Amino acid sequence: MNIKVGIPVRMFEGKYAVNPDYIVALRKAGADPVVLLPEDKLGLARKLDGLDGILIPGGTDVDPVLYGETNQGSEGISEIIDALDIDLVTLAHSRGLPILGICRGLQVMNVALGGSLFQDIPTMIPEAHAHSHATHLVSIHPASQMAGHFGGEITVNSYHHQAIKRLSTLLRCVALSDDGIIEAVEGEGLTAVQWHPERMIDRKEQFALFEQFVETCKKP
């Protein structure tokens, strides 16, 4: 059985692109990645007919208009990519397709499902430690699925300046950094992390995120 996982493109210097690290991680976990381009919602719905799951990768910031705020530090906004991600999350979730979100993927999942974001951690949460180009500890909730392969505490990479502010009612926080930033969430068919496990698939516990996601995609 070929497990097909859709992964939306990102915009880089005016061109559509996909980071190959995600492709490598999905293939190693036993899935066939399917690149998804921007199109209308009806077209995306048709694309989902042949998919078993969706991975929403990292990228630039989500337009704060989508959660009812003015821009207070959001960068690199792309209306086209925002629409692609938001539509994929809402369509896939309505169908019960598993979704894995990574970095921006966590943030856009939260926004698509009714949550909001801190637009710039350094200015909005000055007591927080560095989250951009850093490493730090994350505590995992013992009752979460993630605790099964991470245990209680891990060190993660960190490449973000935004974070979840108002958590969607469809998600639950399952990991926190030691300064209180939400680092991972879970929901019905939903998993997302704020760090980048695709850069650490040589570590068994990080690769397990992709393995578990692909296993979830196999379920009827």
N, C-alpha and C. Protein backbone atom coordinates (compact mmCIF):
# COMPACT_ATOMS: atom_id res chain seq x y z
N MET A 1 0.84 -1.20 0.00
CA MET A 1 0.00 0.00 0.00
C MET A 1 0.87 1.25 0.00
N ASN A 2 0.71 2.11 -1.00
CA ASN A 2 1.48 3.34 -1.07
C ASN A 2 0.77 4.44 -0.30
N ILE A 3 1.42 4.93 0.75
CA ILE A 3 0.88 6.02 1.54
C ILE A 3 1.31 7.33 0.91
N LYS A 4 0.35 8.14 0.51
CA LYS A 4 0.66 9.40 -0.16
C LYS A 4 0.37 10.57 0.79
N VAL A 5 1.39 11.38 0.98
CA VAL A 5 1.29 12.54 1.88
C VAL A 5 1.50 13.82 1.08
N GLY A 6 0.51 14.69 1.11
CA GLY A 6 0.63 15.97 0.43
C GLY A 6 1.46 16.95 1.22
N ILE A 7 2.29 17.73 0.51
CA ILE A 7 3.10 18.75 1.15
C ILE A 7 3.04 20.02 0.30
N PRO A 8 2.53 21.11 0.85
CA PRO A 8 2.38 22.34 0.06
C PRO A 8 3.71 23.04 -0.18
N VAL A 9 3.80 23.71 -1.33
CA VAL A 9 5.01 24.44 -1.67
C VAL A 9 5.14 25.70 -0.81
N ARG A 10 6.34 26.26 -0.86
CA ARG A 10 6.63 27.56 -0.29
C ARG A 10 7.08 28.48 -1.43
N MET A 11 7.05 29.79 -1.18
CA MET A 11 7.50 30.76 -2.18
C MET A 11 8.90 31.22 -1.80
N PHE A 12 9.86 31.06 -2.74
CA PHE A 12 11.24 31.47 -2.48
C PHE A 12 11.77 32.20 -3.71
N GLU A 13 12.05 33.48 -3.53
CA GLU A 13 12.55 34.31 -4.63
C GLU A 13 11.66 34.21 -5.87
N GLY A 14 10.35 34.27 -5.63
CA GLY A 14 9.40 34.27 -6.72
C GLY A 14 9.14 32.93 -7.35
N LYS A 15 9.68 31.86 -6.75
CA LYS A 15 9.49 30.52 -7.30
C LYS A 15 8.90 29.60 -6.23
N TYR A 16 8.12 28.59 -6.68
CA TYR A 16 7.61 27.59 -5.76
C TYR A 16 8.72 26.61 -5.42
N ALA A 17 8.79 26.21 -4.15
CA ALA A 17 9.87 25.32 -3.72
C ALA A 17 9.40 24.45 -2.56
N VAL A 18 10.06 23.30 -2.41
CA VAL A 18 9.84 22.41 -1.27
C VAL A 18 11.21 22.06 -0.70
N ASN A 19 11.37 22.22 0.60
CA ASN A 19 12.63 21.85 1.26
C ASN A 19 12.82 20.33 1.16
N PRO A 20 13.93 19.87 0.59
CA PRO A 20 14.12 18.43 0.40
C PRO A 20 14.20 17.64 1.70
N ASP A 21 14.48 18.30 2.83
CA ASP A 21 14.55 17.59 4.10
C ASP A 21 13.22 16.91 4.43
N TYR A 22 12.11 17.55 4.07
CA TYR A 22 10.79 16.95 4.32
C TYR A 22 10.58 15.73 3.42
N ILE A 23 11.02 15.85 2.19
CA ILE A 23 10.87 14.74 1.24
C ILE A 23 11.65 13.53 1.73
N VAL A 24 12.89 13.77 2.17
CA VAL A 24 13.74 12.68 2.66
C VAL A 24 13.10 12.01 3.88
N ALA A 25 12.61 12.81 4.82
CA ALA A 25 12.02 12.27 6.05
C ALA A 25 10.77 11.44 5.75
N LEU A 26 9.91 11.93 4.88
CA LEU A 26 8.69 11.19 4.54
C LEU A 26 9.01 9.89 3.83
N ARG A 27 9.93 9.93 2.88
CA ARG A 27 10.28 8.71 2.16
C ARG A 27 10.92 7.69 3.09
N LYS A 28 11.77 8.15 3.97
CA LYS A 28 12.41 7.23 4.92
C LYS A 28 11.38 6.58 5.83
N ALA A 29 10.30 7.32 6.13
CA ALA A 29 9.23 6.79 6.98
C ALA A 29 8.25 5.91 6.21
N GLY A 30 8.43 5.82 4.88
CA GLY A 30 7.60 4.91 4.09
C GLY A 30 6.46 5.55 3.33
N ALA A 31 6.51 6.88 3.18
CA ALA A 31 5.44 7.58 2.46
C ALA A 31 5.94 8.14 1.14
N ASP A 32 5.01 8.34 0.20
CA ASP A 32 5.31 9.00 -1.06
C ASP A 32 4.86 10.46 -0.96
N PRO A 33 5.79 11.42 -0.97
CA PRO A 33 5.40 12.83 -0.91
C PRO A 33 4.75 13.27 -2.23
N VAL A 34 3.70 14.07 -2.12
CA VAL A 34 3.02 14.63 -3.28
C VAL A 34 3.02 16.15 -3.11
N VAL A 35 3.70 16.85 -4.00
CA VAL A 35 3.81 18.30 -3.90
C VAL A 35 2.50 18.96 -4.33
N LEU A 36 2.02 19.89 -3.51
CA LEU A 36 0.75 20.57 -3.76
C LEU A 36 0.98 22.03 -4.09
N LEU A 37 0.47 22.48 -5.23
CA LEU A 37 0.60 23.86 -5.68
C LEU A 37 -0.65 24.66 -5.31
N PRO A 38 -0.53 25.98 -5.24
CA PRO A 38 -1.72 26.80 -4.97
C PRO A 38 -2.77 26.65 -6.06
N GLU A 39 -4.02 26.51 -5.64
CA GLU A 39 -5.16 26.52 -6.55
C GLU A 39 -6.41 26.76 -5.72
N ASP A 40 -7.55 26.86 -6.38
CA ASP A 40 -8.76 27.16 -5.63
C ASP A 40 -9.14 25.98 -4.73
N LYS A 41 -10.04 26.25 -3.80
CA LYS A 41 -10.37 25.26 -2.78
C LYS A 41 -10.98 24.00 -3.38
N LEU A 42 -11.77 24.16 -4.44
CA LEU A 42 -12.37 23.00 -5.09
C LEU A 42 -11.29 22.11 -5.71
N GLY A 43 -10.30 22.74 -6.33
CA GLY A 43 -9.20 21.97 -6.91
C GLY A 43 -8.40 21.23 -5.85
N LEU A 44 -8.16 21.90 -4.72
CA LEU A 44 -7.44 21.24 -3.63
C LEU A 44 -8.24 20.08 -3.07
N ALA A 45 -9.54 20.25 -2.98
CA ALA A 45 -10.40 19.18 -2.48
C ALA A 45 -10.27 17.94 -3.36
N ARG A 46 -10.18 18.15 -4.65
CA ARG A 46 -10.00 17.01 -5.57
C ARG A 46 -8.64 16.34 -5.35
N LYS A 47 -7.62 17.15 -5.10
CA LYS A 47 -6.29 16.59 -4.84
C LYS A 47 -6.30 15.70 -3.60
N LEU A 48 -7.07 16.09 -2.59
CA LEU A 48 -7.11 15.32 -1.34
C LEU A 48 -7.73 13.95 -1.53
N ASP A 49 -8.50 13.77 -2.59
CA ASP A 49 -9.14 12.48 -2.84
C ASP A 49 -8.11 11.35 -2.95
N GLY A 50 -6.91 11.68 -3.42
CA GLY A 50 -5.90 10.64 -3.59
C GLY A 50 -4.82 10.63 -2.53
N LEU A 51 -5.04 11.36 -1.42
CA LEU A 51 -4.02 11.48 -0.38
C LEU A 51 -4.45 10.82 0.93
N ASP A 52 -3.44 10.41 1.71
CA ASP A 52 -3.69 9.77 3.00
C ASP A 52 -3.36 10.67 4.18
N GLY A 53 -2.72 11.81 3.93
CA GLY A 53 -2.36 12.73 4.99
C GLY A 53 -1.74 13.98 4.41
N ILE A 54 -1.54 14.99 5.26
CA ILE A 54 -0.95 16.27 4.85
C ILE A 54 0.15 16.65 5.84
N LEU A 55 1.27 17.09 5.31
CA LEU A 55 2.33 17.68 6.13
C LEU A 55 2.42 19.16 5.79
N ILE A 56 2.20 20.02 6.78
CA ILE A 56 2.35 21.46 6.59
C ILE A 56 3.73 21.86 7.11
N PRO A 57 4.64 22.26 6.21
CA PRO A 57 6.03 22.50 6.61
C PRO A 57 6.26 23.90 7.16
N GLY A 58 7.52 24.18 7.48
CA GLY A 58 7.91 25.51 7.93
C GLY A 58 7.82 26.53 6.82
N GLY A 59 8.04 27.79 7.16
CA GLY A 59 7.96 28.86 6.17
C GLY A 59 7.90 30.21 6.86
N THR A 60 7.41 31.20 6.14
CA THR A 60 7.34 32.56 6.67
C THR A 60 6.06 32.75 7.48
N ASP A 61 5.85 33.98 7.95
CA ASP A 61 4.78 34.25 8.90
C ASP A 61 3.39 34.25 8.27
N VAL A 62 2.42 33.90 9.08
CA VAL A 62 1.00 33.92 8.68
C VAL A 62 0.49 35.36 8.80
N ASP A 63 -0.30 35.78 7.82
CA ASP A 63 -0.88 37.13 7.85
C ASP A 63 -1.76 37.29 9.09
N PRO A 64 -1.46 38.25 9.97
CA PRO A 64 -2.27 38.43 11.19
C PRO A 64 -3.71 38.81 10.92
N VAL A 65 -4.02 39.30 9.73
CA VAL A 65 -5.41 39.58 9.36
C VAL A 65 -6.26 38.32 9.52
N LEU A 66 -5.64 37.14 9.32
CA LEU A 66 -6.37 35.88 9.39
C LEU A 66 -6.79 35.52 10.81
N TYR A 67 -6.20 36.18 11.81
CA TYR A 67 -6.69 35.97 13.18
C TYR A 67 -7.08 37.30 13.83
N GLY A 68 -7.47 38.26 12.97
CA GLY A 68 -8.11 39.48 13.45
C GLY A 68 -7.21 40.52 14.05
N GLU A 69 -5.93 40.57 13.63
CA GLU A 69 -5.00 41.55 14.18
C GLU A 69 -4.32 42.32 13.05
N THR A 70 -3.80 43.50 13.40
CA THR A 70 -2.96 44.26 12.48
C THR A 70 -1.53 43.72 12.56
N ASN A 71 -0.73 44.07 11.58
CA ASN A 71 0.65 43.58 11.56
C ASN A 71 1.49 44.28 12.62
N GLN A 72 2.06 43.49 13.52
CA GLN A 72 2.92 44.00 14.59
C GLN A 72 4.23 43.22 14.64
N GLY A 73 4.80 42.98 13.47
CA GLY A 73 6.08 42.28 13.43
C GLY A 73 6.09 41.04 12.57
N SER A 74 4.99 40.73 11.89
CA SER A 74 4.94 39.57 11.01
C SER A 74 5.70 39.87 9.72
N GLU A 75 6.42 38.86 9.21
CA GLU A 75 7.33 39.08 8.08
C GLU A 75 7.11 38.03 6.99
N GLY A 76 7.45 38.42 5.75
CA GLY A 76 7.45 37.48 4.64
C GLY A 76 6.08 36.94 4.27
N ILE A 77 5.04 37.71 4.51
CA ILE A 77 3.67 37.23 4.31
C ILE A 77 3.39 36.99 2.82
N SER A 78 2.76 35.85 2.54
CA SER A 78 2.32 35.52 1.18
C SER A 78 0.86 35.12 1.23
N GLU A 79 0.02 35.93 0.63
CA GLU A 79 -1.42 35.64 0.60
C GLU A 79 -1.69 34.30 -0.09
N ILE A 80 -0.91 34.00 -1.13
CA ILE A 80 -1.09 32.76 -1.89
C ILE A 80 -0.78 31.54 -1.03
N ILE A 81 0.34 31.59 -0.30
CA ILE A 81 0.74 30.45 0.53
C ILE A 81 -0.16 30.32 1.75
N ASP A 82 -0.57 31.46 2.32
CA ASP A 82 -1.52 31.40 3.44
C ASP A 82 -2.81 30.70 3.02
N ALA A 83 -3.33 31.07 1.87
CA ALA A 83 -4.58 30.46 1.39
C ALA A 83 -4.41 28.97 1.15
N LEU A 84 -3.27 28.59 0.57
CA LEU A 84 -2.99 27.18 0.33
C LEU A 84 -2.98 26.39 1.63
N ASP A 85 -2.25 26.88 2.62
CA ASP A 85 -2.13 26.16 3.90
C ASP A 85 -3.45 26.11 4.66
N ILE A 86 -4.12 27.26 4.75
CA ILE A 86 -5.38 27.32 5.49
C ILE A 86 -6.41 26.38 4.87
N ASP A 87 -6.52 26.42 3.54
CA ASP A 87 -7.48 25.54 2.86
C ASP A 87 -7.14 24.07 3.08
N LEU A 88 -5.85 23.73 3.02
CA LEU A 88 -5.45 22.34 3.23
C LEU A 88 -5.79 21.86 4.64
N VAL A 89 -5.52 22.69 5.63
CA VAL A 89 -5.82 22.30 7.01
C VAL A 89 -7.32 22.10 7.20
N THR A 90 -8.12 23.05 6.74
CA THR A 90 -9.57 22.95 6.96
C THR A 90 -10.18 21.79 6.17
N LEU A 91 -9.74 21.62 4.92
CA LEU A 91 -10.27 20.53 4.10
C LEU A 91 -9.87 19.17 4.67
N ALA A 92 -8.57 19.02 4.98
CA ALA A 92 -8.09 17.73 5.48
C ALA A 92 -8.74 17.39 6.82
N HIS A 93 -8.85 18.39 7.70
CA HIS A 93 -9.45 18.12 9.02
C HIS A 93 -10.91 17.74 8.89
N SER A 94 -11.63 18.38 7.97
CA SER A 94 -13.05 18.05 7.79
C SER A 94 -13.24 16.63 7.28
N ARG A 95 -12.22 16.10 6.60
CA ARG A 95 -12.29 14.73 6.08
C ARG A 95 -11.69 13.70 7.02
N GLY A 96 -11.08 14.16 8.09
CA GLY A 96 -10.44 13.23 9.01
C GLY A 96 -9.08 12.76 8.55
N LEU A 97 -8.46 13.47 7.59
CA LEU A 97 -7.12 13.11 7.16
C LEU A 97 -6.10 13.58 8.19
N PRO A 98 -5.13 12.75 8.56
CA PRO A 98 -4.10 13.17 9.52
C PRO A 98 -3.29 14.35 8.98
N ILE A 99 -2.92 15.25 9.88
CA ILE A 99 -2.10 16.41 9.52
C ILE A 99 -0.93 16.49 10.49
N LEU A 100 0.27 16.68 9.95
CA LEU A 100 1.46 16.94 10.73
C LEU A 100 1.93 18.35 10.40
N GLY A 101 2.07 19.20 11.41
CA GLY A 101 2.55 20.56 11.21
C GLY A 101 3.92 20.76 11.82
N ILE A 102 4.77 21.49 11.11
CA ILE A 102 6.13 21.75 11.59
C ILE A 102 6.41 23.26 11.52
N CYS A 103 6.79 23.84 12.65
CA CYS A 103 7.13 25.26 12.80
C CYS A 103 5.97 26.14 12.30
N ARG A 104 6.08 26.78 11.15
CA ARG A 104 4.94 27.52 10.61
C ARG A 104 3.71 26.62 10.54
N GLY A 105 3.94 25.33 10.26
CA GLY A 105 2.83 24.39 10.18
C GLY A 105 2.02 24.34 11.45
N LEU A 106 2.69 24.41 12.60
CA LEU A 106 1.98 24.47 13.88
C LEU A 106 1.19 25.76 13.99
N GLN A 107 1.82 26.86 13.60
CA GLN A 107 1.18 28.17 13.72
C GLN A 107 -0.03 28.30 12.80
N VAL A 108 0.13 27.86 11.54
CA VAL A 108 -0.98 28.00 10.60
C VAL A 108 -2.11 27.02 10.93
N MET A 109 -1.77 25.85 11.50
CA MET A 109 -2.81 24.93 11.95
C MET A 109 -3.64 25.59 13.04
N ASN A 110 -2.98 26.24 13.99
CA ASN A 110 -3.69 26.90 15.07
C ASN A 110 -4.58 28.02 14.55
N VAL A 111 -4.08 28.81 13.60
CA VAL A 111 -4.86 29.90 13.03
C VAL A 111 -6.04 29.36 12.23
N ALA A 112 -5.79 28.35 11.41
CA ALA A 112 -6.87 27.78 10.59
C ALA A 112 -8.00 27.23 11.44
N LEU A 113 -7.67 26.79 12.65
CA LEU A 113 -8.68 26.19 13.53
C LEU A 113 -9.17 27.15 14.60
N GLY A 114 -8.91 28.46 14.40
CA GLY A 114 -9.52 29.47 15.26
C GLY A 114 -8.64 30.10 16.30
N GLY A 115 -7.35 29.78 16.31
CA GLY A 115 -6.43 30.36 17.29
C GLY A 115 -5.74 31.61 16.79
N SER A 116 -4.81 32.14 17.61
CA SER A 116 -4.06 33.34 17.24
C SER A 116 -2.60 33.17 17.63
N LEU A 117 -1.78 34.16 17.26
CA LEU A 117 -0.33 34.06 17.45
C LEU A 117 0.25 35.31 18.12
N PHE A 118 1.33 35.10 18.86
CA PHE A 118 2.22 36.19 19.22
C PHE A 118 3.05 36.48 17.96
N GLN A 119 3.00 37.72 17.48
CA GLN A 119 3.64 38.01 16.20
C GLN A 119 5.16 38.16 16.29
N ASP A 120 5.67 38.48 17.47
CA ASP A 120 7.12 38.63 17.62
C ASP A 120 7.49 38.38 19.08
N ILE A 121 8.06 37.23 19.35
CA ILE A 121 8.37 36.84 20.73
C ILE A 121 9.25 37.87 21.44
N PRO A 122 10.35 38.34 20.84
CA PRO A 122 11.23 39.26 21.58
C PRO A 122 10.55 40.53 22.06
N THR A 123 9.60 41.09 21.27
CA THR A 123 8.95 42.33 21.68
C THR A 123 7.68 42.10 22.47
N MET A 124 7.01 40.96 22.24
CA MET A 124 5.73 40.71 22.92
C MET A 124 5.88 39.87 24.18
N ILE A 125 6.96 39.07 24.25
CA ILE A 125 7.23 38.28 25.46
C ILE A 125 8.70 38.49 25.80
N PRO A 126 9.06 39.68 26.28
CA PRO A 126 10.48 40.02 26.49
C PRO A 126 11.19 39.12 27.49
N GLU A 127 10.43 38.47 28.35
CA GLU A 127 11.06 37.58 29.34
C GLU A 127 11.43 36.23 28.75
N ALA A 128 10.96 35.94 27.53
CA ALA A 128 11.26 34.66 26.89
C ALA A 128 12.73 34.61 26.48
N HIS A 129 13.29 33.40 26.43
CA HIS A 129 14.67 33.27 25.95
C HIS A 129 14.67 33.24 24.42
N ALA A 130 15.83 33.14 23.82
CA ALA A 130 15.96 33.17 22.36
C ALA A 130 15.29 31.93 21.75
N HIS A 131 14.45 32.16 20.76
CA HIS A 131 13.83 31.05 20.02
C HIS A 131 14.24 31.05 18.55
N SER A 132 14.92 32.09 18.11
CA SER A 132 15.37 32.17 16.72
C SER A 132 16.84 31.76 16.64
N HIS A 133 17.10 30.70 15.87
CA HIS A 133 18.47 30.16 15.71
C HIS A 133 19.07 29.84 17.08
N ALA A 134 18.40 28.93 17.78
CA ALA A 134 18.81 28.55 19.13
C ALA A 134 18.47 27.09 19.39
N THR A 135 18.88 26.59 20.52
CA THR A 135 18.43 25.29 21.04
C THR A 135 17.95 25.51 22.47
N HIS A 136 16.98 24.70 22.90
CA HIS A 136 16.48 24.84 24.26
C HIS A 136 15.73 23.58 24.67
N LEU A 137 15.42 23.51 25.94
CA LEU A 137 14.70 22.36 26.48
C LEU A 137 13.20 22.49 26.26
N VAL A 138 12.56 21.35 26.07
CA VAL A 138 11.10 21.28 25.95
C VAL A 138 10.61 20.18 26.88
N SER A 139 9.58 20.48 27.66
CA SER A 139 8.96 19.49 28.55
C SER A 139 7.72 18.91 27.87
N ILE A 140 7.63 17.58 27.84
CA ILE A 140 6.53 16.89 27.17
C ILE A 140 5.50 16.43 28.19
N HIS A 141 4.23 16.66 27.91
CA HIS A 141 3.17 16.23 28.82
C HIS A 141 3.13 14.71 28.87
N PRO A 142 3.13 14.12 30.06
CA PRO A 142 3.20 12.66 30.17
C PRO A 142 2.01 11.91 29.57
N ALA A 143 0.86 12.58 29.44
CA ALA A 143 -0.32 11.91 28.90
C ALA A 143 -0.45 12.06 27.38
N SER A 144 0.54 12.67 26.74
CA SER A 144 0.48 12.90 25.30
C SER A 144 1.01 11.71 24.52
N GLN A 145 0.65 11.65 23.24
CA GLN A 145 1.22 10.63 22.36
C GLN A 145 2.72 10.83 22.21
N MET A 146 3.16 12.07 22.19
CA MET A 146 4.58 12.36 22.01
C MET A 146 5.45 11.82 23.12
N ALA A 147 4.89 11.75 24.31
CA ALA A 147 5.67 11.24 25.45
C ALA A 147 6.14 9.82 25.20
N GLY A 148 5.41 9.09 24.33
CA GLY A 148 5.78 7.71 24.04
C GLY A 148 7.15 7.57 23.41
N HIS A 149 7.56 8.55 22.59
CA HIS A 149 8.88 8.44 22.00
C HIS A 149 9.85 9.54 22.43
N PHE A 150 9.37 10.57 23.13
CA PHE A 150 10.27 11.61 23.61
C PHE A 150 10.57 11.51 25.10
N GLY A 151 9.70 10.83 25.85
CA GLY A 151 9.88 10.86 27.30
C GLY A 151 9.40 12.19 27.85
N GLY A 152 10.03 12.64 28.93
CA GLY A 152 9.54 13.84 29.62
C GLY A 152 10.19 15.13 29.20
N GLU A 153 11.43 15.07 28.68
CA GLU A 153 12.14 16.31 28.35
C GLU A 153 13.13 16.07 27.22
N ILE A 154 13.20 17.01 26.28
CA ILE A 154 14.14 16.90 25.17
C ILE A 154 14.74 18.27 24.86
N THR A 155 15.86 18.24 24.16
CA THR A 155 16.45 19.47 23.63
C THR A 155 16.12 19.54 22.15
N VAL A 156 15.62 20.70 21.70
CA VAL A 156 15.20 20.86 20.31
C VAL A 156 15.93 22.05 19.67
N ASN A 157 15.95 22.04 18.33
CA ASN A 157 16.39 23.22 17.62
C ASN A 157 15.24 24.24 17.58
N SER A 158 15.54 25.48 17.24
CA SER A 158 14.52 26.52 17.33
C SER A 158 14.82 27.61 16.31
N TYR A 159 13.86 27.83 15.38
CA TYR A 159 14.07 28.78 14.30
C TYR A 159 12.81 29.63 14.07
N HIS A 160 12.24 30.13 15.13
CA HIS A 160 10.98 30.89 14.97
C HIS A 160 10.98 32.13 15.85
N HIS A 161 10.21 33.13 15.43
CA HIS A 161 10.05 34.33 16.27
C HIS A 161 8.58 34.56 16.61
N GLN A 162 7.70 33.64 16.16
CA GLN A 162 6.29 33.71 16.52
C GLN A 162 5.91 32.47 17.31
N ALA A 163 4.75 32.54 17.97
CA ALA A 163 4.31 31.41 18.80
C ALA A 163 2.80 31.48 19.00
N ILE A 164 2.23 30.39 19.43
CA ILE A 164 0.79 30.35 19.71
C ILE A 164 0.46 31.27 20.88
N LYS A 165 -0.57 32.10 20.69
CA LYS A 165 -1.07 32.95 21.77
C LYS A 165 -2.38 32.35 22.29
N ARG A 166 -3.44 32.45 21.50
CA ARG A 166 -4.71 31.81 21.86
C ARG A 166 -4.76 30.46 21.17
N LEU A 167 -4.82 29.41 21.98
CA LEU A 167 -4.81 28.05 21.43
C LEU A 167 -6.20 27.68 20.92
N SER A 168 -6.26 27.11 19.72
CA SER A 168 -7.53 26.62 19.17
C SER A 168 -8.19 25.64 20.13
N THR A 169 -9.50 25.69 20.21
CA THR A 169 -10.23 24.76 21.07
C THR A 169 -10.16 23.33 20.56
N LEU A 170 -9.70 23.15 19.31
CA LEU A 170 -9.56 21.81 18.74
C LEU A 170 -8.19 21.20 19.00
N LEU A 171 -7.33 21.97 19.67
CA LEU A 171 -5.97 21.51 19.96
C LEU A 171 -5.71 21.53 21.45
N ARG A 172 -4.78 20.72 21.89
CA ARG A 172 -4.34 20.76 23.28
C ARG A 172 -2.82 20.87 23.30
N CYS A 173 -2.32 21.66 24.22
CA CYS A 173 -0.88 21.83 24.37
C CYS A 173 -0.29 20.57 25.00
N VAL A 174 0.75 20.02 24.37
CA VAL A 174 1.38 18.81 24.91
C VAL A 174 2.86 19.00 25.16
N ALA A 175 3.39 20.21 24.91
CA ALA A 175 4.81 20.47 25.20
C ALA A 175 5.02 21.96 25.36
N LEU A 176 5.88 22.31 26.31
CA LEU A 176 6.21 23.71 26.59
C LEU A 176 7.72 23.87 26.70
N SER A 177 8.22 25.02 26.24
CA SER A 177 9.60 25.38 26.56
C SER A 177 9.62 25.89 27.99
N ASP A 178 10.82 26.04 28.56
CA ASP A 178 10.89 26.40 29.98
C ASP A 178 10.49 27.85 30.24
N ASP A 179 10.22 28.64 29.19
CA ASP A 179 9.70 30.00 29.38
C ASP A 179 8.21 30.10 29.07
N GLY A 180 7.57 28.94 28.88
CA GLY A 180 6.12 28.90 28.72
C GLY A 180 5.61 28.96 27.30
N ILE A 181 6.49 28.97 26.30
CA ILE A 181 6.06 28.98 24.91
C ILE A 181 5.53 27.59 24.54
N ILE A 182 4.38 27.54 23.86
CA ILE A 182 3.81 26.27 23.41
C ILE A 182 4.69 25.71 22.30
N GLU A 183 5.17 24.49 22.48
CA GLU A 183 6.12 23.87 21.55
C GLU A 183 5.53 22.70 20.77
N ALA A 184 4.40 22.17 21.21
CA ALA A 184 3.76 21.07 20.47
C ALA A 184 2.29 21.00 20.85
N VAL A 185 1.48 20.56 19.89
CA VAL A 185 0.04 20.40 20.12
C VAL A 185 -0.42 19.10 19.50
N GLU A 186 -1.52 18.61 20.01
CA GLU A 186 -2.18 17.43 19.45
C GLU A 186 -3.68 17.67 19.42
N GLY A 187 -4.35 16.96 18.54
CA GLY A 187 -5.80 17.02 18.43
C GLY A 187 -6.26 15.77 17.70
N GLU A 188 -7.52 15.73 17.32
CA GLU A 188 -8.06 14.58 16.61
C GLU A 188 -7.44 14.52 15.22
N GLY A 189 -6.50 13.60 15.04
CA GLY A 189 -5.80 13.48 13.77
C GLY A 189 -4.78 14.57 13.51
N LEU A 190 -4.47 15.37 14.53
CA LEU A 190 -3.60 16.54 14.40
C LEU A 190 -2.38 16.42 15.31
N THR A 191 -1.22 16.67 14.74
CA THR A 191 0.02 16.73 15.50
C THR A 191 0.86 17.86 14.94
N ALA A 192 1.45 18.67 15.79
CA ALA A 192 2.32 19.75 15.30
C ALA A 192 3.37 20.09 16.34
N VAL A 193 4.56 20.43 15.84
CA VAL A 193 5.67 20.83 16.71
C VAL A 193 6.24 22.15 16.22
N GLN A 194 6.80 22.92 17.16
CA GLN A 194 7.37 24.21 16.81
C GLN A 194 8.81 24.10 16.32
N TRP A 195 9.47 23.00 16.64
CA TRP A 195 10.84 22.81 16.19
C TRP A 195 10.88 22.11 14.83
N HIS A 196 12.08 21.76 14.35
CA HIS A 196 12.26 21.18 13.02
C HIS A 196 12.83 19.76 13.11
N PRO A 197 11.97 18.75 13.28
CA PRO A 197 12.46 17.37 13.37
C PRO A 197 13.07 16.87 12.06
N GLU A 198 12.67 17.45 10.92
CA GLU A 198 13.22 17.01 9.63
C GLU A 198 14.72 17.28 9.53
N ARG A 199 15.24 18.15 10.38
CA ARG A 199 16.68 18.43 10.41
C ARG A 199 17.41 17.50 11.36
N MET A 200 16.66 16.62 12.03
CA MET A 200 17.27 15.76 13.06
C MET A 200 16.82 14.31 12.92
N ILE A 201 16.58 13.84 11.69
CA ILE A 201 16.04 12.48 11.55
C ILE A 201 17.08 11.40 11.86
N ASP A 202 18.32 11.82 12.09
CA ASP A 202 19.31 10.85 12.55
C ASP A 202 19.11 10.52 14.03
N ARG A 203 18.27 11.30 14.71
CA ARG A 203 17.93 11.02 16.11
C ARG A 203 16.62 10.23 16.14
N LYS A 204 16.67 9.07 16.75
CA LYS A 204 15.55 8.12 16.71
C LYS A 204 14.25 8.74 17.16
N GLU A 205 14.28 9.52 18.24
CA GLU A 205 13.04 10.07 18.78
C GLU A 205 12.45 11.13 17.84
N GLN A 206 13.30 11.86 17.11
CA GLN A 206 12.79 12.86 16.17
C GLN A 206 12.21 12.20 14.92
N PHE A 207 12.89 11.18 14.42
CA PHE A 207 12.37 10.47 13.26
C PHE A 207 11.06 9.76 13.59
N ALA A 208 10.89 9.39 14.86
CA ALA A 208 9.66 8.71 15.28
C ALA A 208 8.42 9.56 15.02
N LEU A 209 8.55 10.89 15.00
CA LEU A 209 7.41 11.74 14.67
C LEU A 209 6.89 11.43 13.26
N PHE A 210 7.81 11.26 12.33
CA PHE A 210 7.41 10.95 10.96
C PHE A 210 6.88 9.52 10.84
N GLU A 211 7.53 8.60 11.55
CA GLU A 211 7.07 7.21 11.52
C GLU A 211 5.65 7.10 12.06
N GLN A 212 5.39 7.76 13.20
CA GLN A 212 4.07 7.70 13.80
C GLN A 212 3.02 8.37 12.91
N PHE A 213 3.39 9.46 12.27
CA PHE A 213 2.47 10.15 11.36
C PHE A 213 2.10 9.25 10.18
N VAL A 214 3.09 8.61 9.59
CA VAL A 214 2.83 7.73 8.45
C VAL A 214 1.97 6.54 8.88
N GLU A 215 2.22 6.00 10.06
CA GLU A 215 1.39 4.91 10.58
C GLU A 215 -0.06 5.37 10.73
N THR A 216 -0.25 6.58 11.22
CA THR A 216 -1.61 7.13 11.37
C THR A 216 -2.28 7.26 10.00
N CYS A 217 -1.49 7.63 9.00
CA CYS A 217 -2.04 7.78 7.65
C CYS A 217 -2.50 6.46 7.05
N LYS A 218 -1.98 5.35 7.57
CA LYS A 218 -2.35 4.03 7.04
C LYS A 218 -3.72 3.58 7.52
N LYS A 219 -4.20 4.18 8.60
CA LYS A 219 -5.46 3.73 9.19
C LYS A 219 -6.64 4.14 8.30
N PRO A 220 -7.61 3.23 8.10
CA PRO A 220 -8.75 3.53 7.23
C PRO A 220 -9.64 4.62 7.83
